[in-house]
Amino acid sequence: MSQQFPPPGQPQPGYGYPPPPPPKKSNTGKIIGFGCLGIVGLFVLLGVLGALLGDSSSDKTSKEPAAPPAAGSSAPSKAPEAKPSSAEPEKKAEVVVAAKKTEFEKSIIAQGSDYTSVSVTVTNNSSKPINVNPLYFAITDTNGTKHVAELGADENQIATVELAPGENVTGAITGKGSFAPKSVTYTDGLIGKSVRADVS
């Protein structure tokens, strides 16, 4: 007697229905994702090109001289325009430091009176806040020796503050020992730009 098997997709005796075939994966999501990515990339590229072309066209228009009038034209010639003076207005420094000699005012922390102080004023002319801290200063004496600031030695020590644009602060910077101060250097942060001022 021959064994008969039911046709595919029909229940088999003792086993039930066979498992359904796995669904086919669609690439529609990938296609849509790459299409959106391409559109975003195109907009970024157009923005960069627009910025570059905008900068170069404004440079050309500001540098191009006016065309001279034609030799045979009957239009009256214009008086030459007054050229701006060659000396451009001086740009304000972003941070201004002024320093002058001052008397050392001993605080209760100071050990002895062998210190030299300089009164310093820091002005923020930039558009961003800056930090001022006694540790951001150094005094250079007339021999070229640099003296780091001694914390808390002078009662009038410059405060640790954040200066908003347009603000200033004044206080003393003090170095250990008795010396003739020549200049003061302020560094915006421990690794920022340095500004030097001669002691008056």
N, C-alpha and C. Protein backbone atom coordinates (compact mmCIF):
# COMPACT_ATOMS: atom_id res chain seq x y z
N MET A 1 0.84 -1.15 0.00
CA MET A 1 0.00 0.00 0.00
C MET A 1 0.90 1.23 0.00
N SER A 2 0.60 2.17 -0.86
CA SER A 2 1.44 3.36 -0.98
C SER A 2 1.00 4.41 0.01
N GLN A 3 1.96 5.15 0.52
CA GLN A 3 1.66 6.19 1.51
C GLN A 3 1.34 7.46 0.78
N GLN A 4 0.24 8.06 1.17
CA GLN A 4 -0.16 9.30 0.51
C GLN A 4 0.04 10.47 1.47
N PHE A 5 0.60 11.50 0.91
CA PHE A 5 0.82 12.73 1.69
C PHE A 5 -0.18 13.77 1.23
N PRO A 6 -0.71 14.52 2.17
CA PRO A 6 -1.64 15.58 1.75
C PRO A 6 -0.88 16.66 0.97
N PRO A 7 -1.56 17.38 0.12
CA PRO A 7 -0.90 18.44 -0.66
C PRO A 7 -0.32 19.51 0.27
N PRO A 8 0.69 20.28 -0.20
CA PRO A 8 1.30 21.31 0.66
C PRO A 8 0.27 22.33 1.10
N GLY A 9 0.41 22.84 2.33
CA GLY A 9 -0.50 23.83 2.87
C GLY A 9 -1.69 23.20 3.56
N GLN A 10 -1.86 21.88 3.47
CA GLN A 10 -2.96 21.18 4.11
C GLN A 10 -2.45 20.56 5.40
N PRO A 11 -3.34 20.38 6.37
CA PRO A 11 -2.87 19.79 7.62
C PRO A 11 -2.39 18.37 7.40
N GLN A 12 -1.33 18.01 8.06
CA GLN A 12 -0.80 16.67 7.99
C GLN A 12 -1.32 15.90 9.19
N PRO A 13 -1.61 14.66 8.99
CA PRO A 13 -2.18 13.90 10.11
C PRO A 13 -1.21 13.86 11.30
N GLY A 14 -1.69 14.31 12.46
CA GLY A 14 -0.92 14.25 13.69
C GLY A 14 -0.03 15.48 13.91
N TYR A 15 0.11 16.34 12.92
CA TYR A 15 0.99 17.49 13.07
C TYR A 15 0.28 18.83 12.95
N GLY A 16 -0.81 18.94 12.35
CA GLY A 16 -1.52 20.20 12.17
C GLY A 16 -0.98 20.95 10.96
N TYR A 17 -1.22 22.21 10.93
CA TYR A 17 -0.77 23.04 9.80
C TYR A 17 0.74 23.28 9.88
N PRO A 18 1.42 23.36 8.74
CA PRO A 18 2.85 23.68 8.76
C PRO A 18 3.04 25.17 9.08
N PRO A 19 4.21 25.56 9.58
CA PRO A 19 4.43 26.97 9.90
C PRO A 19 4.37 27.83 8.62
N PRO A 20 3.86 29.05 8.77
CA PRO A 20 3.76 29.89 7.57
C PRO A 20 5.16 30.30 7.11
N PRO A 21 5.32 30.57 5.83
CA PRO A 21 6.64 30.99 5.35
C PRO A 21 6.97 32.38 5.92
N PRO A 22 8.27 32.67 6.14
CA PRO A 22 8.63 33.98 6.70
C PRO A 22 8.24 35.10 5.73
N PRO A 23 7.82 36.26 6.29
CA PRO A 23 7.42 37.36 5.40
C PRO A 23 8.64 37.91 4.65
N LYS A 24 8.40 38.39 3.44
CA LYS A 24 9.49 38.96 2.64
C LYS A 24 9.83 40.34 3.19
N LYS A 25 11.14 40.62 3.29
CA LYS A 25 11.57 41.93 3.77
C LYS A 25 11.42 42.95 2.66
N SER A 26 10.93 44.13 3.05
CA SER A 26 10.73 45.20 2.08
C SER A 26 11.87 46.21 2.21
N ASN A 27 12.34 46.74 1.11
CA ASN A 27 13.41 47.74 1.10
C ASN A 27 12.84 49.16 1.06
N THR A 28 11.54 49.29 1.27
CA THR A 28 10.91 50.61 1.19
C THR A 28 11.48 51.56 2.24
N GLY A 29 11.68 51.11 3.46
CA GLY A 29 12.22 51.95 4.53
C GLY A 29 13.60 52.47 4.20
N LYS A 30 14.45 51.58 3.64
CA LYS A 30 15.80 52.01 3.27
C LYS A 30 15.74 53.07 2.17
N ILE A 31 14.90 52.87 1.20
CA ILE A 31 14.79 53.81 0.08
C ILE A 31 14.33 55.17 0.57
N ILE A 32 13.33 55.18 1.45
CA ILE A 32 12.83 56.46 1.99
C ILE A 32 13.90 57.13 2.83
N GLY A 33 14.63 56.37 3.65
CA GLY A 33 15.69 56.93 4.50
C GLY A 33 16.80 57.56 3.68
N PHE A 34 17.27 56.85 2.65
CA PHE A 34 18.33 57.41 1.81
C PHE A 34 17.83 58.61 1.02
N GLY A 35 16.58 58.59 0.62
CA GLY A 35 16.01 59.74 -0.10
C GLY A 35 15.98 60.98 0.79
N CYS A 36 15.54 60.82 2.05
CA CYS A 36 15.50 61.96 2.99
C CYS A 36 16.91 62.46 3.29
N LEU A 37 17.85 61.53 3.46
CA LEU A 37 19.23 61.91 3.72
C LEU A 37 19.80 62.70 2.54
N GLY A 38 19.47 62.28 1.33
CA GLY A 38 19.93 63.00 0.14
C GLY A 38 19.37 64.41 0.08
N ILE A 39 18.11 64.59 0.45
CA ILE A 39 17.49 65.91 0.44
C ILE A 39 18.14 66.82 1.48
N VAL A 40 18.37 66.29 2.69
CA VAL A 40 19.02 67.08 3.73
C VAL A 40 20.43 67.46 3.30
N GLY A 41 21.17 66.53 2.72
CA GLY A 41 22.51 66.81 2.23
C GLY A 41 22.52 67.88 1.15
N LEU A 42 21.52 67.85 0.28
CA LEU A 42 21.41 68.85 -0.78
C LEU A 42 21.19 70.24 -0.18
N PHE A 43 20.31 70.34 0.83
CA PHE A 43 20.06 71.64 1.47
C PHE A 43 21.32 72.16 2.16
N VAL A 44 22.06 71.29 2.83
CA VAL A 44 23.30 71.71 3.49
C VAL A 44 24.30 72.21 2.45
N LEU A 45 24.45 71.48 1.35
CA LEU A 45 25.36 71.88 0.28
C LEU A 45 24.96 73.23 -0.31
N LEU A 46 23.66 73.42 -0.56
CA LEU A 46 23.19 74.70 -1.09
C LEU A 46 23.44 75.84 -0.11
N GLY A 47 23.25 75.59 1.19
CA GLY A 47 23.50 76.62 2.20
C GLY A 47 24.96 77.03 2.24
N VAL A 48 25.86 76.05 2.17
CA VAL A 48 27.30 76.35 2.19
C VAL A 48 27.68 77.14 0.94
N LEU A 49 27.20 76.69 -0.22
CA LEU A 49 27.51 77.40 -1.46
C LEU A 49 26.94 78.82 -1.45
N GLY A 50 25.73 78.98 -0.91
CA GLY A 50 25.12 80.31 -0.83
C GLY A 50 25.93 81.23 0.07
N ALA A 51 26.42 80.70 1.18
CA ALA A 51 27.22 81.52 2.09
C ALA A 51 28.54 81.93 1.43
N LEU A 52 29.17 81.00 0.73
CA LEU A 52 30.42 81.32 0.06
C LEU A 52 30.22 82.34 -1.05
N LEU A 53 29.18 82.15 -1.86
CA LEU A 53 28.91 83.09 -2.94
C LEU A 53 28.48 84.44 -2.41
N GLY A 54 27.73 84.46 -1.32
CA GLY A 54 27.29 85.73 -0.74
C GLY A 54 28.47 86.53 -0.24
N ASP A 55 29.45 85.87 0.40
CA ASP A 55 30.64 86.57 0.90
C ASP A 55 31.48 87.10 -0.25
N SER A 56 31.68 86.29 -1.28
CA SER A 56 32.55 86.73 -2.38
C SER A 56 31.89 87.82 -3.20
N SER A 57 30.56 87.80 -3.37
CA SER A 57 29.92 88.86 -4.16
C SER A 57 29.93 90.18 -3.40
N SER A 58 29.80 90.15 -2.07
CA SER A 58 29.86 91.40 -1.32
C SER A 58 31.27 91.97 -1.33
N ASP A 59 32.30 91.10 -1.38
CA ASP A 59 33.67 91.59 -1.48
C ASP A 59 33.90 92.27 -2.83
N LYS A 60 33.36 91.67 -3.90
CA LYS A 60 33.55 92.24 -5.23
C LYS A 60 32.88 93.59 -5.35
N THR A 61 31.66 93.70 -4.84
CA THR A 61 30.95 94.97 -4.98
C THR A 61 31.62 96.07 -4.18
N SER A 62 32.25 95.74 -3.08
CA SER A 62 32.90 96.79 -2.30
C SER A 62 34.24 97.18 -2.88
N LYS A 63 34.87 96.30 -3.68
CA LYS A 63 36.19 96.59 -4.22
C LYS A 63 36.16 97.11 -5.65
N GLU A 64 35.06 96.92 -6.39
CA GLU A 64 35.01 97.34 -7.78
C GLU A 64 34.94 98.85 -7.86
N PRO A 65 35.84 99.47 -8.67
CA PRO A 65 35.75 100.91 -8.83
C PRO A 65 34.62 101.26 -9.78
N ALA A 66 34.13 102.47 -9.66
CA ALA A 66 33.06 102.91 -10.54
C ALA A 66 33.65 103.08 -11.94
N ALA A 67 32.85 102.72 -12.95
CA ALA A 67 33.32 102.82 -14.33
C ALA A 67 33.45 104.29 -14.70
N PRO A 68 34.55 104.67 -15.37
CA PRO A 68 34.69 106.07 -15.78
C PRO A 68 33.69 106.41 -16.87
N PRO A 69 33.25 107.66 -16.96
CA PRO A 69 32.28 108.02 -17.99
C PRO A 69 32.93 107.91 -19.36
N ALA A 70 32.09 107.63 -20.34
CA ALA A 70 32.59 107.51 -21.72
C ALA A 70 33.15 108.84 -22.18
N ALA A 71 34.17 108.80 -23.04
CA ALA A 71 34.86 110.01 -23.45
C ALA A 71 33.94 110.96 -24.22
N GLY A 72 33.02 110.44 -25.02
CA GLY A 72 32.17 111.29 -25.84
C GLY A 72 30.84 111.61 -25.19
N SER A 73 30.64 111.27 -23.92
CA SER A 73 29.33 111.51 -23.32
C SER A 73 29.16 112.99 -23.00
N SER A 74 27.94 113.47 -23.15
CA SER A 74 27.68 114.88 -22.91
C SER A 74 27.21 115.14 -21.49
N ALA A 75 27.08 114.10 -20.68
CA ALA A 75 26.61 114.27 -19.31
C ALA A 75 27.67 115.00 -18.51
N PRO A 76 27.26 115.91 -17.64
CA PRO A 76 28.25 116.62 -16.85
C PRO A 76 28.97 115.65 -15.92
N SER A 77 30.25 115.86 -15.76
CA SER A 77 31.02 114.96 -14.90
C SER A 77 30.76 115.33 -13.44
N LYS A 78 30.72 114.31 -12.62
CA LYS A 78 30.47 114.52 -11.19
C LYS A 78 31.77 114.91 -10.52
N ALA A 79 31.64 115.65 -9.47
CA ALA A 79 32.82 116.00 -8.67
C ALA A 79 33.31 114.73 -8.01
N PRO A 80 34.62 114.55 -7.90
CA PRO A 80 35.11 113.34 -7.26
C PRO A 80 34.64 113.27 -5.81
N GLU A 81 34.25 112.05 -5.43
CA GLU A 81 33.76 111.86 -4.06
C GLU A 81 34.93 111.91 -3.09
N ALA A 82 34.66 112.43 -1.92
CA ALA A 82 35.70 112.49 -0.90
C ALA A 82 35.98 111.07 -0.42
N LYS A 83 37.23 110.69 -0.47
CA LYS A 83 37.62 109.35 -0.02
C LYS A 83 37.77 109.37 1.49
N PRO A 84 37.39 108.27 2.13
CA PRO A 84 37.60 108.23 3.58
C PRO A 84 39.09 108.26 3.87
N SER A 85 39.43 108.83 5.00
CA SER A 85 40.85 108.93 5.35
C SER A 85 41.46 107.55 5.45
N SER A 86 42.72 107.47 5.11
CA SER A 86 43.37 106.16 5.09
C SER A 86 43.51 105.58 6.49
N ALA A 87 43.49 106.43 7.49
CA ALA A 87 43.57 105.92 8.86
C ALA A 87 42.18 105.49 9.31
N GLU A 88 42.00 104.18 9.44
CA GLU A 88 40.71 103.66 9.88
C GLU A 88 40.58 103.89 11.38
N PRO A 89 39.34 104.04 11.86
CA PRO A 89 39.20 104.22 13.31
C PRO A 89 39.77 103.01 14.03
N GLU A 90 40.46 103.29 15.10
CA GLU A 90 41.12 102.23 15.85
C GLU A 90 40.09 101.36 16.54
N LYS A 91 40.25 100.05 16.37
CA LYS A 91 39.32 99.10 16.97
C LYS A 91 39.66 98.96 18.46
N LYS A 92 38.62 98.99 19.29
CA LYS A 92 38.84 98.85 20.74
C LYS A 92 39.31 97.44 21.05
N ALA A 93 40.25 97.36 21.97
CA ALA A 93 40.70 96.04 22.43
C ALA A 93 39.57 95.39 23.20
N GLU A 94 39.46 94.07 23.09
CA GLU A 94 38.38 93.36 23.77
C GLU A 94 38.52 93.42 25.29
N VAL A 95 39.75 93.33 25.76
CA VAL A 95 40.01 93.41 27.20
C VAL A 95 41.10 94.45 27.42
N VAL A 96 40.82 95.43 28.27
CA VAL A 96 41.79 96.48 28.55
C VAL A 96 42.24 96.34 30.01
N VAL A 97 43.56 96.39 30.21
CA VAL A 97 44.13 96.30 31.55
C VAL A 97 44.94 97.57 31.80
N ALA A 98 44.68 98.22 32.92
CA ALA A 98 45.46 99.40 33.34
C ALA A 98 46.08 99.07 34.70
N ALA A 99 47.36 99.45 34.87
CA ALA A 99 48.05 99.13 36.12
C ALA A 99 48.81 100.35 36.63
N LYS A 100 48.80 100.54 37.95
CA LYS A 100 49.59 101.63 38.56
C LYS A 100 50.10 101.17 39.92
N LYS A 101 51.18 101.79 40.34
CA LYS A 101 51.77 101.43 41.64
C LYS A 101 50.80 101.78 42.76
N THR A 102 50.83 100.98 43.80
CA THR A 102 50.00 101.24 44.98
C THR A 102 50.73 100.71 46.21
N GLU A 103 50.30 101.16 47.36
CA GLU A 103 50.89 100.69 48.62
C GLU A 103 50.33 99.32 48.97
N PHE A 104 51.19 98.47 49.52
CA PHE A 104 50.76 97.16 50.00
C PHE A 104 49.98 97.32 51.30
N GLU A 105 48.76 96.78 51.33
CA GLU A 105 47.91 96.82 52.54
C GLU A 105 47.86 95.41 53.11
N LYS A 106 48.63 95.18 54.15
CA LYS A 106 48.78 93.84 54.72
C LYS A 106 47.45 93.29 55.24
N SER A 107 47.14 92.06 54.84
CA SER A 107 45.95 91.37 55.37
C SER A 107 46.39 90.47 56.52
N ILE A 108 45.42 89.86 57.20
CA ILE A 108 45.76 88.99 58.33
C ILE A 108 46.42 87.69 57.86
N ILE A 109 46.29 87.37 56.56
CA ILE A 109 46.89 86.14 56.03
C ILE A 109 48.36 86.34 55.68
N ALA A 110 48.74 87.57 55.35
CA ALA A 110 50.11 87.84 54.90
C ALA A 110 51.11 87.52 56.00
N GLN A 111 52.21 86.89 55.61
CA GLN A 111 53.28 86.56 56.55
C GLN A 111 54.40 87.58 56.35
N GLY A 112 54.49 88.54 57.22
CA GLY A 112 55.48 89.60 57.09
C GLY A 112 54.95 90.72 56.20
N SER A 113 55.84 91.64 55.85
CA SER A 113 55.40 92.77 55.03
C SER A 113 56.27 92.90 53.78
N ASP A 114 56.96 91.83 53.41
CA ASP A 114 57.83 91.86 52.25
C ASP A 114 57.04 91.49 50.98
N TYR A 115 56.15 92.39 50.56
CA TYR A 115 55.32 92.18 49.38
C TYR A 115 55.29 93.47 48.56
N THR A 116 54.96 93.34 47.27
CA THR A 116 54.79 94.49 46.38
C THR A 116 53.43 94.36 45.71
N SER A 117 52.64 95.45 45.77
CA SER A 117 51.30 95.43 45.17
C SER A 117 51.21 96.40 44.01
N VAL A 118 50.33 96.06 43.07
CA VAL A 118 50.02 96.90 41.91
C VAL A 118 48.50 96.97 41.81
N SER A 119 47.95 98.18 41.65
CA SER A 119 46.51 98.34 41.46
C SER A 119 46.18 98.11 39.99
N VAL A 120 45.25 97.21 39.73
CA VAL A 120 44.91 96.82 38.36
C VAL A 120 43.42 97.05 38.12
N THR A 121 43.09 97.60 36.93
CA THR A 121 41.70 97.73 36.49
C THR A 121 41.55 96.95 35.20
N VAL A 122 40.57 96.03 35.18
CA VAL A 122 40.29 95.23 33.99
C VAL A 122 38.93 95.66 33.45
N THR A 123 38.87 96.00 32.16
CA THR A 123 37.62 96.42 31.51
C THR A 123 37.30 95.46 30.38
N ASN A 124 36.06 94.99 30.34
CA ASN A 124 35.61 94.05 29.30
C ASN A 124 34.91 94.82 28.19
N ASN A 125 35.58 94.99 27.04
CA ASN A 125 34.98 95.63 25.87
C ASN A 125 34.47 94.63 24.85
N SER A 126 34.55 93.35 25.17
CA SER A 126 34.11 92.33 24.21
C SER A 126 32.60 92.14 24.31
N SER A 127 32.08 91.25 23.47
CA SER A 127 30.65 90.97 23.48
C SER A 127 30.32 89.75 24.34
N LYS A 128 31.34 89.15 24.98
CA LYS A 128 31.13 87.97 25.82
C LYS A 128 31.65 88.25 27.22
N PRO A 129 31.11 87.57 28.23
CA PRO A 129 31.64 87.73 29.58
C PRO A 129 33.05 87.16 29.68
N ILE A 130 33.85 87.74 30.58
CA ILE A 130 35.19 87.22 30.86
C ILE A 130 35.31 86.98 32.35
N ASN A 131 36.25 86.14 32.72
CA ASN A 131 36.49 85.83 34.13
C ASN A 131 37.74 86.54 34.61
N VAL A 132 37.67 87.07 35.82
CA VAL A 132 38.82 87.72 36.44
C VAL A 132 39.09 86.99 37.75
N ASN A 133 40.36 86.65 37.97
CA ASN A 133 40.76 85.90 39.14
C ASN A 133 42.20 86.33 39.46
N PRO A 134 42.56 86.52 40.71
CA PRO A 134 43.94 86.90 41.03
C PRO A 134 44.97 85.95 40.45
N LEU A 135 44.60 84.68 40.28
CA LEU A 135 45.53 83.69 39.73
C LEU A 135 45.81 83.91 38.25
N TYR A 136 45.01 84.75 37.58
CA TYR A 136 45.18 85.00 36.15
C TYR A 136 46.18 86.14 35.89
N PHE A 137 46.85 86.66 36.94
CA PHE A 137 47.76 87.79 36.81
C PHE A 137 49.18 87.39 37.18
N ALA A 138 50.14 88.11 36.57
CA ALA A 138 51.55 87.99 36.94
C ALA A 138 52.16 89.38 36.82
N ILE A 139 53.11 89.69 37.71
CA ILE A 139 53.81 90.97 37.69
C ILE A 139 55.23 90.73 37.22
N THR A 140 55.70 91.54 36.27
CA THR A 140 57.09 91.46 35.82
C THR A 140 57.82 92.68 36.37
N ASP A 141 58.97 92.45 37.00
CA ASP A 141 59.72 93.59 37.57
C ASP A 141 60.68 94.18 36.54
N THR A 142 61.38 95.23 36.92
CA THR A 142 62.28 95.93 36.00
C THR A 142 63.49 95.08 35.60
N ASN A 143 63.77 94.01 36.32
CA ASN A 143 64.86 93.09 35.97
C ASN A 143 64.39 91.99 35.03
N GLY A 144 63.07 91.95 34.72
CA GLY A 144 62.53 90.92 33.84
C GLY A 144 62.07 89.67 34.57
N THR A 145 62.07 89.68 35.90
CA THR A 145 61.62 88.53 36.68
C THR A 145 60.11 88.58 36.83
N LYS A 146 59.47 87.43 36.59
CA LYS A 146 58.02 87.35 36.69
C LYS A 146 57.64 86.86 38.08
N HIS A 147 56.68 87.56 38.70
CA HIS A 147 56.21 87.20 40.04
C HIS A 147 54.74 86.81 39.94
N VAL A 148 54.42 85.61 40.45
CA VAL A 148 53.03 85.17 40.45
C VAL A 148 52.28 85.87 41.58
N ALA A 149 50.97 85.95 41.42
CA ALA A 149 50.15 86.64 42.43
C ALA A 149 50.08 85.81 43.71
N GLU A 150 50.23 86.51 44.84
CA GLU A 150 50.10 85.90 46.16
C GLU A 150 48.66 86.09 46.62
N LEU A 151 47.96 85.00 46.85
CA LEU A 151 46.54 85.09 47.22
C LEU A 151 46.35 85.56 48.65
N GLY A 152 45.45 86.53 48.83
CA GLY A 152 45.04 86.99 50.15
C GLY A 152 46.05 87.81 50.91
N ALA A 153 47.17 88.19 50.29
CA ALA A 153 48.19 88.95 51.02
C ALA A 153 47.78 90.40 51.21
N ASP A 154 47.12 90.99 50.20
CA ASP A 154 46.71 92.40 50.25
C ASP A 154 45.22 92.48 50.55
N GLU A 155 44.84 93.38 51.47
CA GLU A 155 43.42 93.54 51.81
C GLU A 155 42.58 93.98 50.61
N ASN A 156 43.19 94.68 49.66
CA ASN A 156 42.46 95.20 48.50
C ASN A 156 42.61 94.31 47.27
N GLN A 157 42.86 93.02 47.49
CA GLN A 157 43.07 92.10 46.37
C GLN A 157 41.90 92.16 45.39
N ILE A 158 42.19 92.04 44.09
CA ILE A 158 41.15 92.06 43.06
C ILE A 158 40.23 90.87 43.28
N ALA A 159 38.95 91.08 43.05
CA ALA A 159 37.95 90.04 43.31
C ALA A 159 37.92 89.00 42.20
N THR A 160 37.44 87.82 42.55
CA THR A 160 37.19 86.79 41.55
C THR A 160 35.76 87.00 41.06
N VAL A 161 35.63 87.49 39.82
CA VAL A 161 34.32 87.85 39.28
C VAL A 161 34.23 87.47 37.81
N GLU A 162 32.99 87.49 37.31
CA GLU A 162 32.73 87.38 35.88
C GLU A 162 32.28 88.76 35.42
N LEU A 163 33.02 89.35 34.47
CA LEU A 163 32.68 90.67 33.97
C LEU A 163 31.82 90.55 32.72
N ALA A 164 30.62 91.12 32.77
CA ALA A 164 29.76 91.17 31.60
C ALA A 164 30.32 92.22 30.64
N PRO A 165 29.91 92.21 29.38
CA PRO A 165 30.38 93.23 28.45
C PRO A 165 30.13 94.64 28.99
N GLY A 166 31.17 95.49 28.96
CA GLY A 166 31.07 96.87 29.43
C GLY A 166 31.42 97.06 30.88
N GLU A 167 31.58 96.00 31.66
CA GLU A 167 31.89 96.13 33.08
C GLU A 167 33.40 96.17 33.31
N ASN A 168 33.79 96.66 34.50
CA ASN A 168 35.20 96.65 34.89
C ASN A 168 35.31 96.36 36.37
N VAL A 169 36.53 96.01 36.79
CA VAL A 169 36.80 95.73 38.20
C VAL A 169 38.22 96.21 38.51
N THR A 170 38.39 96.73 39.73
CA THR A 170 39.69 97.23 40.16
C THR A 170 40.08 96.55 41.46
N GLY A 171 41.36 96.22 41.60
CA GLY A 171 41.85 95.62 42.82
C GLY A 171 43.36 95.46 42.74
N ALA A 172 43.94 94.97 43.82
CA ALA A 172 45.39 94.84 43.91
C ALA A 172 45.85 93.44 43.52
N ILE A 173 46.99 93.40 42.84
CA ILE A 173 47.71 92.16 42.57
C ILE A 173 49.01 92.28 43.34
N THR A 174 49.35 91.24 44.09
CA THR A 174 50.50 91.31 44.99
C THR A 174 51.49 90.20 44.69
N GLY A 175 52.77 90.58 44.66
CA GLY A 175 53.85 89.61 44.48
C GLY A 175 54.70 89.55 45.72
N LYS A 176 55.33 88.40 45.96
CA LYS A 176 56.17 88.23 47.15
C LYS A 176 57.50 88.91 46.92
N GLY A 177 57.95 89.64 47.92
CA GLY A 177 59.24 90.31 47.85
C GLY A 177 59.09 91.79 47.53
N SER A 178 60.19 92.50 47.70
CA SER A 178 60.22 93.93 47.41
C SER A 178 60.92 94.12 46.07
N PHE A 179 60.21 94.66 45.08
CA PHE A 179 60.77 94.85 43.75
C PHE A 179 60.06 96.03 43.08
N ALA A 180 60.63 96.50 41.97
CA ALA A 180 60.04 97.61 41.21
C ALA A 180 59.21 97.00 40.07
N PRO A 181 57.87 97.08 40.14
CA PRO A 181 57.04 96.48 39.09
C PRO A 181 57.13 97.27 37.78
N LYS A 182 57.26 96.54 36.68
CA LYS A 182 57.32 97.17 35.35
C LYS A 182 56.04 96.96 34.57
N SER A 183 55.49 95.73 34.59
CA SER A 183 54.27 95.44 33.84
C SER A 183 53.46 94.36 34.54
N VAL A 184 52.17 94.31 34.18
CA VAL A 184 51.27 93.28 34.70
C VAL A 184 50.68 92.55 33.49
N THR A 185 50.61 91.23 33.58
CA THR A 185 50.02 90.42 32.50
C THR A 185 48.78 89.73 33.03
N TYR A 186 47.67 89.91 32.29
CA TYR A 186 46.40 89.24 32.62
C TYR A 186 46.13 88.22 31.52
N THR A 187 45.78 87.00 31.92
CA THR A 187 45.42 85.95 30.97
C THR A 187 43.98 85.57 31.22
N ASP A 188 43.15 85.64 30.16
CA ASP A 188 41.73 85.29 30.29
C ASP A 188 41.62 83.79 30.47
N GLY A 189 41.45 83.34 31.70
CA GLY A 189 41.50 81.92 32.00
C GLY A 189 42.97 81.54 32.12
N LEU A 190 43.23 80.30 32.38
CA LEU A 190 44.63 79.88 32.55
C LEU A 190 45.34 79.70 31.23
N ILE A 191 44.58 79.52 30.11
CA ILE A 191 45.22 79.30 28.81
C ILE A 191 44.66 80.23 27.73
N GLY A 192 44.00 81.31 28.11
CA GLY A 192 43.42 82.23 27.13
C GLY A 192 44.42 83.24 26.61
N LYS A 193 43.88 84.30 25.98
CA LYS A 193 44.73 85.37 25.46
C LYS A 193 45.30 86.19 26.59
N SER A 194 46.53 86.65 26.42
CA SER A 194 47.18 87.48 27.44
C SER A 194 47.13 88.93 27.04
N VAL A 195 46.94 89.79 28.04
CA VAL A 195 46.95 91.24 27.86
C VAL A 195 47.97 91.80 28.83
N ARG A 196 48.89 92.63 28.31
CA ARG A 196 49.94 93.19 29.15
C ARG A 196 49.73 94.68 29.28
N ALA A 197 49.98 95.20 30.48
CA ALA A 197 49.89 96.64 30.74
C ALA A 197 51.10 97.09 31.50
N ASP A 198 51.67 98.22 31.07
CA ASP A 198 52.81 98.80 31.80
C ASP A 198 52.31 99.45 33.08
N VAL A 199 53.10 99.35 34.13
CA VAL A 199 52.74 99.95 35.42
C VAL A 199 53.13 101.43 35.38
N SER A 200 52.15 102.30 35.64
CA SER A 200 52.43 103.75 35.62
C SER A 200 52.76 104.26 37.00
